[in-house]
Amino acid sequence: MARGTSGKQVTAILAVETNFAIGVIWEQRPLLLRIKRLCEKTDTILVIPEIALVEAKSSLMKRIDKQLEAIQQFRFWLNDIARAAGMKEHVLQIKHALSNMEAELQRRKQLILEAVSIFAQACTIAPLTPQVWIKAYLRWQAKIPPFKELDCLVMESLLGFLQRRKAKLTMFLNLDREDFDHPEVHGEFRQRKTLLLFDPSDVIAEFRRFYGVM
């Protein structure tokens, strides 16, 4: 069972979205990794919408598939280059490097699946229920911020989760300021007593204020 699913009031909640998951799993951004460790170190549950986890995995797999496709296209052009006098040996060397690169990318595809699974186990999942789906669809159709269909699913998943779960400190770190920084979005999270933050440094500052010097 994911942490914090027993229904008891917890000390703190940090909700995150797709970009946080990608930043931890793929980019390994130091500030985001630090935040994840702070959640594990303190009585803070890390919450991610189910749809955001799916989107993160899909995005990462597509990224690698595009890179593999680019390598195949490059091989096609290398075959043409190899026809020129004196270029065959150079092309063979490049193709050898490309083969190593392909093998590494295939290995990383498997690592992504494992890393997403490990990340999910460290989180509490905000489920994508039929009720959430309907609310998100109506929000999207009504052109209410955050406007994009997937963003609406993320938002309604968290609003539904935070309606049921209370904490002394609740934050939502969203690395997509452009789509979520709207008065309507701030207002709805404010109703759930949730700080909507766009800078990881602000999350760390809130941790310090709440838990003391860390």
C-alpha atoms as a PDB file:
ATOM      1  CA  MET A   1       0.000   0.000   0.000  1.00  0.00           C
ATOM      2  CA  ALA A   2       1.301   3.454  -0.846  1.00  0.00           C
ATOM      3  CA  ARG A   3       2.251   5.685   2.030  1.00  0.00           C
ATOM      4  CA  GLY A   4      -0.460   7.841   3.525  1.00  0.00           C
ATOM      5  CA  THR A   5      -3.464   5.926   2.154  1.00  0.00           C
ATOM      6  CA  SER A   6      -4.893   4.858   5.510  1.00  0.00           C
ATOM      7  CA  GLY A   7      -7.180   7.898   5.832  1.00  0.00           C
ATOM      8  CA  LYS A   8      -5.347   9.413   8.820  1.00  0.00           C
ATOM      9  CA  GLN A   9      -4.346  13.050   8.780  1.00  0.00           C
ATOM     10  CA  VAL A  10      -0.698  13.362   7.845  1.00  0.00           C
ATOM     11  CA  THR A  11       1.736  16.089   8.762  1.00  0.00           C
ATOM     12  CA  ALA A  12       2.520  17.312   5.252  1.00  0.00           C
ATOM     13  CA  ILE A  13       1.628  16.598   1.632  1.00  0.00           C
ATOM     14  CA  LEU A  14       3.634  17.487  -1.452  1.00  0.00           C
ATOM     15  CA  ALA A  15       1.772  16.972  -4.711  1.00  0.00           C
ATOM     16  CA  VAL A  16       3.776  16.842  -7.949  1.00  0.00           C
ATOM     17  CA  GLU A  17       3.093  16.311 -11.645  1.00  0.00           C
ATOM     18  CA  THR A  18       4.593  14.856 -14.811  1.00  0.00           C
ATOM     19  CA  ASN A  19       7.599  17.177 -15.048  1.00  0.00           C
ATOM     20  CA  PHE A  20       8.708  16.347 -11.513  1.00  0.00           C
ATOM     21  CA  ALA A  21       8.639  12.634 -12.284  1.00  0.00           C
ATOM     22  CA  ILE A  22      10.655  13.146 -15.479  1.00  0.00           C
ATOM     23  CA  GLY A  23      13.065  15.441 -13.645  1.00  0.00           C
ATOM     24  CA  VAL A  24      13.732  12.758 -11.034  1.00  0.00           C
ATOM     25  CA  ILE A  25      13.663   9.629 -13.206  1.00  0.00           C
ATOM     26  CA  TRP A  26      15.379  10.806 -16.395  1.00  0.00           C
ATOM     27  CA  GLU A  27      17.139  14.109 -15.770  1.00  0.00           C
ATOM     28  CA  GLN A  28      18.007  13.436 -12.110  1.00  0.00           C
ATOM     29  CA  ARG A  29      17.860  17.140 -11.336  1.00  0.00           C
ATOM     30  CA  PRO A  30      19.662  17.672  -8.005  1.00  0.00           C
ATOM     31  CA  LEU A  31      17.057  20.037  -6.530  1.00  0.00           C
ATOM     32  CA  LEU A  32      14.187  17.660  -7.305  1.00  0.00           C
ATOM     33  CA  LEU A  33      16.103  14.680  -5.932  1.00  0.00           C
ATOM     34  CA  ARG A  34      16.729  16.700  -2.778  1.00  0.00           C
ATOM     35  CA  ILE A  35      13.008  17.399  -2.423  1.00  0.00           C
ATOM     36  CA  LYS A  36      12.217  13.707  -2.852  1.00  0.00           C
ATOM     37  CA  ARG A  37      14.753  12.833  -0.148  1.00  0.00           C
ATOM     38  CA  LEU A  38      13.241  15.473   2.165  1.00  0.00           C
ATOM     39  CA  CYS A  39       9.834  13.861   1.728  1.00  0.00           C
ATOM     40  CA  GLU A  40      11.306  10.481   2.647  1.00  0.00           C
ATOM     41  CA  LYS A  41      13.182  11.967   5.600  1.00  0.00           C
ATOM     42  CA  THR A  42      10.175  13.817   7.020  1.00  0.00           C
ATOM     43  CA  ASP A  43       6.546  12.969   7.619  1.00  0.00           C
ATOM     44  CA  THR A  44       5.610  14.177   4.130  1.00  0.00           C
ATOM     45  CA  ILE A  45       3.727  12.095   1.594  1.00  0.00           C
ATOM     46  CA  LEU A  46       4.614  12.600  -2.043  1.00  0.00           C
ATOM     47  CA  VAL A  47       1.464  12.562  -4.162  1.00  0.00           C
ATOM     48  CA  ILE A  48       1.287  12.225  -7.929  1.00  0.00           C
ATOM     49  CA  PRO A  49      -1.820  11.870 -10.112  1.00  0.00           C
ATOM     50  CA  GLU A  50      -2.145   8.502 -11.814  1.00  0.00           C
ATOM     51  CA  ILE A  51      -2.461  10.224 -15.195  1.00  0.00           C
ATOM     52  CA  ALA A  52       0.794  12.164 -14.598  1.00  0.00           C
ATOM     53  CA  LEU A  53       2.671   8.937 -13.905  1.00  0.00           C
ATOM     54  CA  VAL A  54       1.325   7.393 -17.103  1.00  0.00           C
ATOM     55  CA  GLU A  55       2.181  10.539 -19.053  1.00  0.00           C
ATOM     56  CA  ALA A  56       5.730  10.580 -17.676  1.00  0.00           C
ATOM     57  CA  LYS A  57       6.369   6.972 -18.678  1.00  0.00           C
ATOM     58  CA  SER A  58       4.842   7.505 -22.119  1.00  0.00           C
ATOM     59  CA  SER A  59       6.837  10.689 -22.696  1.00  0.00           C
ATOM     60  CA  LEU A  60      10.125   9.063 -21.744  1.00  0.00           C
ATOM     61  CA  MET A  61       9.528   5.993 -23.895  1.00  0.00           C
ATOM     62  CA  LYS A  62       8.593   8.164 -26.882  1.00  0.00           C
ATOM     63  CA  ARG A  63      11.720  10.245 -26.364  1.00  0.00           C
ATOM     64  CA  ILE A  64      13.958   7.190 -26.629  1.00  0.00           C
ATOM     65  CA  ASP A  65      11.994   5.812 -29.587  1.00  0.00           C
ATOM     66  CA  LYS A  66      12.533   9.111 -31.424  1.00  0.00           C
ATOM     67  CA  GLN A  67      16.247   8.941 -30.684  1.00  0.00           C
ATOM     68  CA  LEU A  68      16.409   5.379 -32.015  1.00  0.00           C
ATOM     69  CA  GLU A  69      14.516   6.465 -35.118  1.00  0.00           C
ATOM     70  CA  ALA A  70      16.960   9.354 -35.636  1.00  0.00           C
ATOM     71  CA  ILE A  71      19.863   6.895 -35.488  1.00  0.00           C
ATOM     72  CA  GLN A  72      18.214   4.751 -38.176  1.00  0.00           C
ATOM     73  CA  GLN A  73      17.749   7.796 -40.395  1.00  0.00           C
ATOM     74  CA  PHE A  74      21.378   8.741 -39.856  1.00  0.00           C
ATOM     75  CA  ARG A  75      22.417   5.229 -40.914  1.00  0.00           C
ATOM     76  CA  PHE A  76      20.573   5.761 -44.197  1.00  0.00           C
ATOM     77  CA  TRP A  77      22.585   8.883 -44.935  1.00  0.00           C
ATOM     78  CA  LEU A  78      25.797   7.172 -43.886  1.00  0.00           C
ATOM     79  CA  ASN A  79      25.209   4.507 -46.531  1.00  0.00           C
ATOM     80  CA  ASP A  80      25.103   7.251 -49.132  1.00  0.00           C
ATOM     81  CA  ILE A  81      28.219   8.931 -47.726  1.00  0.00           C
ATOM     82  CA  ALA A  82      30.090   5.614 -47.803  1.00  0.00           C
ATOM     83  CA  ARG A  83      29.848   5.550 -51.608  1.00  0.00           C
ATOM     84  CA  ALA A  84      32.330   8.405 -51.836  1.00  0.00           C
ATOM     85  CA  ALA A  85      35.965   7.463 -52.301  1.00  0.00           C
ATOM     86  CA  GLY A  86      37.867   7.104 -49.043  1.00  0.00           C
ATOM     87  CA  MET A  87      34.766   7.447 -46.815  1.00  0.00           C
ATOM     88  CA  LYS A  88      33.898   3.794 -46.179  1.00  0.00           C
ATOM     89  CA  GLU A  89      36.271   3.353 -43.231  1.00  0.00           C
ATOM     90  CA  HIS A  90      35.038   6.548 -41.566  1.00  0.00           C
ATOM     91  CA  VAL A  91      31.442   5.421 -41.992  1.00  0.00           C
ATOM     92  CA  LEU A  92      32.196   2.017 -40.461  1.00  0.00           C
ATOM     93  CA  GLN A  93      33.661   3.701 -37.394  1.00  0.00           C
ATOM     94  CA  ILE A  94      30.596   5.895 -37.002  1.00  0.00           C
ATOM     95  CA  LYS A  95      28.266   2.922 -37.457  1.00  0.00           C
ATOM     96  CA  HIS A  96      30.111   1.051 -34.723  1.00  0.00           C
ATOM     97  CA  ALA A  97      29.562   4.014 -32.363  1.00  0.00           C
ATOM     98  CA  LEU A  98      25.893   4.159 -33.382  1.00  0.00           C
ATOM     99  CA  SER A  99      25.479   0.467 -32.574  1.00  0.00           C
ATOM    100  CA  ASN A 100      26.822   1.098 -29.084  1.00  0.00           C
ATOM    101  CA  MET A 101      24.467   4.048 -28.742  1.00  0.00           C
ATOM    102  CA  GLU A 102      21.482   1.959 -29.841  1.00  0.00           C
ATOM    103  CA  ALA A 103      22.342  -0.744 -27.316  1.00  0.00           C
ATOM    104  CA  GLU A 104      22.565   1.853 -24.545  1.00  0.00           C
ATOM    105  CA  LEU A 105      19.220   3.406 -25.501  1.00  0.00           C
ATOM    106  CA  GLN A 106      17.547  -0.018 -25.506  1.00  0.00           C
ATOM    107  CA  ARG A 107      19.027  -0.660 -22.059  1.00  0.00           C
ATOM    108  CA  ARG A 108      17.683   2.667 -20.855  1.00  0.00           C
ATOM    109  CA  LYS A 109      14.187   1.820 -22.083  1.00  0.00           C
ATOM    110  CA  GLN A 110      14.149  -1.072 -19.638  1.00  0.00           C
ATOM    111  CA  LEU A 111      15.650   1.090 -16.908  1.00  0.00           C
ATOM    112  CA  ILE A 112      12.862   3.642 -17.399  1.00  0.00           C
ATOM    113  CA  LEU A 113      10.187   1.018 -16.749  1.00  0.00           C
ATOM    114  CA  GLU A 114      11.974  -0.045 -13.581  1.00  0.00           C
ATOM    115  CA  ALA A 115      12.609   3.547 -12.461  1.00  0.00           C
ATOM    116  CA  VAL A 116       8.968   4.562 -12.979  1.00  0.00           C
ATOM    117  CA  SER A 117       7.874   1.568 -10.905  1.00  0.00           C
ATOM    118  CA  ILE A 118      10.307   2.467  -8.101  1.00  0.00           C
ATOM    119  CA  PHE A 119       9.212   6.109  -8.194  1.00  0.00           C
ATOM    120  CA  ALA A 120       5.545   5.103  -8.019  1.00  0.00           C
ATOM    121  CA  GLN A 121       6.224   2.967  -4.948  1.00  0.00           C
ATOM    122  CA  ALA A 122       7.637   6.039  -3.181  1.00  0.00           C
ATOM    123  CA  CYS A 123       4.448   7.997  -3.925  1.00  0.00           C
ATOM    124  CA  THR A 124       0.805   8.023  -3.011  1.00  0.00           C
ATOM    125  CA  ILE A 125      -1.193   7.869  -6.230  1.00  0.00           C
ATOM    126  CA  ALA A 126      -4.126  10.235  -6.777  1.00  0.00           C
ATOM    127  CA  PRO A 127      -6.395   7.916  -8.797  1.00  0.00           C
ATOM    128  CA  LEU A 128      -8.022   8.713 -12.116  1.00  0.00           C
ATOM    129  CA  THR A 129     -11.600   7.802 -11.220  1.00  0.00           C
ATOM    130  CA  PRO A 130     -14.667   8.119 -13.488  1.00  0.00           C
ATOM    131  CA  GLN A 131     -15.744  11.129 -11.393  1.00  0.00           C
ATOM    132  CA  VAL A 132     -12.384  12.821 -11.917  1.00  0.00           C
ATOM    133  CA  TRP A 133     -12.552  12.093 -15.639  1.00  0.00           C
ATOM    134  CA  ILE A 134     -15.999  13.688 -15.954  1.00  0.00           C
ATOM    135  CA  LYS A 135     -14.990  16.802 -13.993  1.00  0.00           C
ATOM    136  CA  ALA A 136     -11.832  17.169 -16.057  1.00  0.00           C
ATOM    137  CA  TYR A 137     -13.742  16.751 -19.308  1.00  0.00           C
ATOM    138  CA  LEU A 138     -16.275  19.403 -18.310  1.00  0.00           C
ATOM    139  CA  ARG A 139     -13.460  21.771 -17.263  1.00  0.00           C
ATOM    140  CA  TRP A 140     -11.692  21.227 -20.561  1.00  0.00           C
ATOM    141  CA  GLN A 141     -14.865  21.705 -22.617  1.00  0.00           C
ATOM    142  CA  ALA A 142     -15.725  24.872 -20.694  1.00  0.00           C
ATOM    143  CA  LYS A 143     -12.223  26.248 -21.421  1.00  0.00           C
ATOM    144  CA  ILE A 144     -11.445  26.768 -17.734  1.00  0.00           C
ATOM    145  CA  PRO A 145      -7.730  26.918 -16.811  1.00  0.00           C
ATOM    146  CA  PRO A 146      -5.457  25.026 -17.153  1.00  0.00           C
ATOM    147  CA  PHE A 147      -7.178  24.503 -20.561  1.00  0.00           C
ATOM    148  CA  LYS A 148      -5.285  21.434 -21.867  1.00  0.00           C
ATOM    149  CA  GLU A 149      -7.068  18.102 -21.454  1.00  0.00           C
ATOM    150  CA  LEU A 150      -4.198  16.311 -19.683  1.00  0.00           C
ATOM    151  CA  ASP A 151      -3.611  19.299 -17.395  1.00  0.00           C
ATOM    152  CA  CYS A 152      -7.301  19.277 -16.479  1.00  0.00           C
ATOM    153  CA  LEU A 153      -7.008  15.576 -15.585  1.00  0.00           C
ATOM    154  CA  VAL A 154      -3.991  16.311 -13.390  1.00  0.00           C
ATOM    155  CA  MET A 155      -5.745  19.175 -11.638  1.00  0.00           C
ATOM    156  CA  GLU A 156      -9.037  17.386 -11.003  1.00  0.00           C
ATOM    157  CA  SER A 157      -7.186  14.291  -9.755  1.00  0.00           C
ATOM    158  CA  LEU A 158      -5.396  16.408  -7.159  1.00  0.00           C
ATOM    159  CA  LEU A 159      -8.448  18.451  -6.195  1.00  0.00           C
ATOM    160  CA  GLY A 160     -10.369  15.243  -5.576  1.00  0.00           C
ATOM    161  CA  PHE A 161      -7.527  13.740  -3.559  1.00  0.00           C
ATOM    162  CA  LEU A 162      -6.989  16.887  -1.473  1.00  0.00           C
ATOM    163  CA  GLN A 163     -10.700  17.111  -0.746  1.00  0.00           C
ATOM    164  CA  ARG A 164     -10.399  13.816   1.149  1.00  0.00           C
ATOM    165  CA  ARG A 165      -6.920  14.195   2.612  1.00  0.00           C
ATOM    166  CA  LYS A 166      -5.913  16.947   5.040  1.00  0.00           C
ATOM    167  CA  ALA A 167      -2.481  17.927   6.324  1.00  0.00           C
ATOM    168  CA  LYS A 168      -0.926  20.723   8.350  1.00  0.00           C
ATOM    169  CA  LEU A 169       1.089  21.702   5.281  1.00  0.00           C
ATOM    170  CA  THR A 170      -0.039  20.967   1.732  1.00  0.00           C
ATOM    171  CA  MET A 171       1.891  22.044  -1.358  1.00  0.00           C
ATOM    172  CA  PHE A 172       1.597  21.443  -5.074  1.00  0.00           C
ATOM    173  CA  LEU A 173       4.888  21.849  -6.930  1.00  0.00           C
ATOM    174  CA  ASN A 174       4.075  22.452 -10.573  1.00  0.00           C
ATOM    175  CA  LEU A 175       6.941  22.934 -13.006  1.00  0.00           C
ATOM    176  CA  ASP A 176       4.540  24.032 -15.747  1.00  0.00           C
ATOM    177  CA  ARG A 177       3.962  27.664 -14.753  1.00  0.00           C
ATOM    178  CA  GLU A 178       2.826  28.710 -18.229  1.00  0.00           C
ATOM    179  CA  ASP A 179      -0.249  26.459 -18.151  1.00  0.00           C
ATOM    180  CA  PHE A 180      -1.131  26.531 -14.449  1.00  0.00           C
ATOM    181  CA  ASP A 181      -0.352  30.068 -13.279  1.00  0.00           C
ATOM    182  CA  HIS A 182      -3.921  31.393 -13.504  1.00  0.00           C
ATOM    183  CA  PRO A 183      -6.020  33.074 -10.776  1.00  0.00           C
ATOM    184  CA  GLU A 184      -8.718  30.398 -11.141  1.00  0.00           C
ATOM    185  CA  VAL A 185      -6.199  27.605 -10.554  1.00  0.00           C
ATOM    186  CA  HIS A 186      -4.657  29.370  -7.556  1.00  0.00           C
ATOM    187  CA  GLY A 187      -8.122  29.955  -6.131  1.00  0.00           C
ATOM    188  CA  GLU A 188      -9.222  26.333  -6.350  1.00  0.00           C
ATOM    189  CA  PHE A 189      -6.080  25.076  -4.661  1.00  0.00           C
ATOM    190  CA  ARG A 190      -6.391  27.816  -2.048  1.00  0.00           C
ATOM    191  CA  GLN A 191      -9.841  26.398  -1.223  1.00  0.00           C
ATOM    192  CA  ARG A 192      -8.066  23.088  -0.492  1.00  0.00           C
ATOM    193  CA  LYS A 193      -5.570  25.004   1.706  1.00  0.00           C
ATOM    194  CA  THR A 194      -2.828  24.099  -0.745  1.00  0.00           C
ATOM    195  CA  LEU A 195       0.139  26.263  -1.726  1.00  0.00           C
ATOM    196  CA  LEU A 196       0.619  26.285  -5.497  1.00  0.00           C
ATOM    197  CA  LEU A 197       4.363  26.652  -6.090  1.00  0.00           C
ATOM    198  CA  PHE A 198       6.324  26.769  -9.331  1.00  0.00           C
ATOM    199  CA  ASP A 199       9.912  26.920  -8.071  1.00  0.00           C
ATOM    200  CA  PRO A 200      11.543  23.916  -6.332  1.00  0.00           C
ATOM    201  CA  SER A 201      13.499  26.354  -4.146  1.00  0.00           C
ATOM    202  CA  ASP A 202      10.188  27.609  -2.715  1.00  0.00           C
ATOM    203  CA  VAL A 203       9.303  24.057  -1.687  1.00  0.00           C
ATOM    204  CA  ILE A 204      12.587  23.714   0.182  1.00  0.00           C
ATOM    205  CA  ALA A 205      11.954  27.092   1.846  1.00  0.00           C
ATOM    206  CA  GLU A 206       8.527  25.858   3.003  1.00  0.00           C
ATOM    207  CA  PHE A 207      10.101  22.670   4.361  1.00  0.00           C
ATOM    208  CA  ARG A 208      12.560  24.785   6.347  1.00  0.00           C
ATOM    209  CA  ARG A 209       9.797  26.983   7.763  1.00  0.00           C
ATOM    210  CA  PHE A 210       7.649  24.005   8.665  1.00  0.00           C
ATOM    211  CA  TYR A 211      10.190  21.480   9.920  1.00  0.00           C
ATOM    212  CA  GLY A 212      12.991  23.824  10.958  1.00  0.00           C
ATOM    213  CA  VAL A 213      16.486  24.141   9.505  1.00  0.00           C
ATOM    214  CA  MET A 214      17.243  21.176   7.195  1.00  0.00           C
END
